[in-house]
Amino acid sequence: MTSPEEHKKAFQQFLEDINEKIRMGLLVDRQKIIGFAVSEAATNLLEYFFHKKELVSSGFRVNHRYFSSLRKAEEYIPFEFPQKKQILKLMLEQEKYRDLLCYGKEKDEKRVGEAIIILQKIKRIITEELGEEL
């Protein structure tokens, strides 16, 4: 069982890795890794949020596959939480970028950057809701 603090640490590690690739100008060259990293960062962040808000039990897990469709997301995450509609929308977009970047032809830097922007939006919402810097 992963603790909330472990989810926060995993999120921060993925974010550091993404930022390192940005600094090194490797968005296009490492887009499959970035596609994976933004998705995993987002799911760890969401799970951290749920645990900090005490919305789920300690055994609850968030899987990126939950966001392959809105129906599936609502099935796996039926409970209410602050900014639910907006967060689910962004998580669905993030999952599309995961597939696009990890399993397709090479994309341009703009497309890779869009996946990172979605993660930043999710982070901003959750940071505001928790009242803590992540």
Protein backbone atom coordinates (compact mmCIF):
# COMPACT_ATOMS: atom_id res chain seq x y z
CA MET A 1 0.00 0.00 0.00
CA THR A 2 1.38 3.36 -1.04
CA SER A 3 1.15 6.21 1.46
CA PRO A 4 0.02 9.70 0.46
CA GLU A 5 3.56 10.97 1.00
CA GLU A 6 4.92 8.33 -1.39
CA HIS A 7 2.45 9.52 -4.04
CA LYS A 8 3.60 13.09 -3.48
CA LYS A 9 7.24 12.02 -3.77
CA ALA A 10 6.55 10.04 -6.96
CA PHE A 11 4.75 13.05 -8.44
CA GLN A 12 7.69 15.31 -7.60
CA GLN A 13 10.18 12.86 -9.12
CA PHE A 14 8.21 12.64 -12.37
CA LEU A 15 7.93 16.43 -12.46
CA GLU A 16 11.68 16.84 -11.90
CA ASP A 17 12.37 14.40 -14.73
CA ILE A 18 10.04 16.27 -17.08
CA ASN A 19 11.63 19.61 -16.16
CA GLU A 20 15.08 18.17 -16.76
CA LYS A 21 14.07 17.12 -20.27
CA ILE A 22 12.69 20.60 -20.91
CA ARG A 23 15.95 22.22 -19.75
CA MET A 24 17.99 19.87 -21.94
CA GLY A 25 15.79 20.48 -25.00
CA LEU A 26 14.79 16.82 -25.24
CA LEU A 27 11.01 17.11 -25.59
CA VAL A 28 10.88 15.55 -29.05
CA ASP A 29 13.68 13.03 -28.49
CA ARG A 30 12.17 11.74 -25.22
CA GLN A 31 8.48 12.17 -25.96
CA LYS A 32 7.55 8.56 -25.14
CA ILE A 33 9.16 8.93 -21.72
CA ILE A 34 7.45 12.29 -21.23
CA GLY A 35 4.09 10.83 -22.27
CA PHE A 36 4.48 8.17 -19.61
CA ALA A 37 5.82 10.62 -17.02
CA VAL A 38 3.03 13.21 -17.34
CA SER A 39 0.41 10.48 -17.06
CA GLU A 40 2.00 8.85 -14.03
CA ALA A 41 2.62 12.23 -12.41
CA ALA A 42 -1.05 13.13 -12.85
CA THR A 43 -2.35 9.84 -11.43
CA ASN A 44 -0.02 10.04 -8.42
CA LEU A 45 -1.06 13.63 -7.82
CA LEU A 46 -4.74 12.75 -8.04
CA GLU A 47 -4.33 9.84 -5.65
CA TYR A 48 -2.43 12.09 -3.24
CA PHE A 49 -5.29 14.62 -3.46
CA PHE A 50 -7.93 11.97 -2.74
CA HIS A 51 -6.02 10.70 0.30
CA LYS A 52 -5.32 14.19 1.68
CA LYS A 53 -9.01 15.08 1.34
CA GLU A 54 -9.89 11.72 2.96
CA LEU A 55 -12.11 10.82 0.03
CA VAL A 56 -10.80 7.25 -0.31
CA SER A 57 -9.57 4.40 1.87
CA SER A 58 -5.89 3.61 2.15
CA GLY A 59 -6.13 0.77 -0.40
CA PHE A 60 -7.67 2.90 -3.16
CA ARG A 61 -5.61 3.08 -6.36
CA VAL A 62 -5.84 5.39 -9.37
CA ASN A 63 -4.90 3.85 -12.72
CA HIS A 64 -4.36 5.88 -15.88
CA ARG A 65 -6.71 3.50 -17.73
CA TYR A 66 -9.61 4.87 -15.66
CA PHE A 67 -9.44 7.93 -17.91
CA SER A 68 -9.84 6.26 -21.29
CA SER A 69 -13.45 7.50 -21.28
CA LEU A 70 -15.67 9.68 -19.12
CA ARG A 71 -17.98 6.73 -18.46
CA LYS A 72 -15.08 4.67 -17.15
CA ALA A 73 -13.72 7.55 -15.05
CA GLU A 74 -17.10 8.10 -13.42
CA GLU A 75 -17.45 4.35 -12.82
CA TYR A 76 -14.11 4.10 -11.01
CA ILE A 77 -14.39 7.49 -9.30
CA PRO A 78 -18.11 7.85 -8.48
CA PHE A 79 -17.66 10.09 -5.43
CA GLU A 80 -17.80 13.87 -5.46
CA PHE A 81 -14.79 16.08 -4.85
CA PRO A 82 -13.84 19.71 -5.45
CA GLN A 83 -13.38 20.60 -9.13
CA LYS A 84 -14.36 17.07 -10.17
CA LYS A 85 -15.67 17.99 -13.61
CA GLN A 86 -12.57 20.02 -14.50
CA ILE A 87 -10.09 17.49 -13.06
CA LEU A 88 -11.71 14.56 -14.87
CA LYS A 89 -11.73 16.53 -18.12
CA LEU A 90 -8.01 17.21 -17.77
CA MET A 91 -7.25 13.60 -16.79
CA LEU A 92 -9.11 12.40 -19.90
CA GLU A 93 -7.04 14.77 -22.04
CA GLN A 94 -3.87 13.57 -20.30
CA GLU A 95 -4.70 9.96 -21.15
CA LYS A 96 -5.15 10.87 -24.82
CA TYR A 97 -1.72 12.49 -24.83
CA ARG A 98 -0.22 9.43 -23.17
CA ASP A 99 -1.47 7.28 -26.04
CA LEU A 100 -0.49 9.85 -28.64
CA LEU A 101 3.06 10.31 -27.36
CA CYS A 102 3.82 6.77 -26.24
CA TYR A 103 2.32 4.80 -29.13
CA GLY A 104 2.41 6.84 -32.27
CA LYS A 105 4.62 8.49 -34.76
CA GLU A 106 6.95 11.14 -33.44
CA LYS A 107 5.12 14.37 -32.64
CA ASP A 108 6.45 17.91 -32.75
CA GLU A 109 7.57 19.85 -29.69
CA LYS A 110 4.27 21.75 -29.49
CA ARG A 111 2.28 18.52 -29.01
CA VAL A 112 4.65 17.26 -26.32
CA GLY A 113 4.42 20.64 -24.60
CA GLU A 114 0.62 20.45 -24.59
CA ALA A 115 0.79 17.28 -22.47
CA ILE A 116 2.99 19.10 -19.98
CA ILE A 117 0.59 22.07 -19.88
CA ILE A 118 -2.27 19.73 -18.97
CA LEU A 119 -0.23 18.35 -16.07
CA GLN A 120 0.49 21.90 -14.91
CA LYS A 121 -3.24 22.69 -14.98
CA ILE A 122 -4.03 19.61 -12.88
CA LYS A 123 -1.26 20.56 -10.45
CA ARG A 124 -2.57 24.13 -10.16
CA ILE A 125 -6.12 23.00 -9.33
CA ILE A 126 -4.99 20.44 -6.76
CA THR A 127 -2.48 22.83 -5.21
CA GLU A 128 -5.24 25.42 -4.77
CA GLU A 129 -7.66 22.86 -3.36
CA LEU A 130 -5.14 21.48 -0.86
CA GLY A 131 -3.65 24.84 0.01
CA GLU A 132 -0.11 23.49 -0.22
CA GLU A 133 2.69 23.78 -2.71
CA LEU A 134 3.56 20.55 -4.48
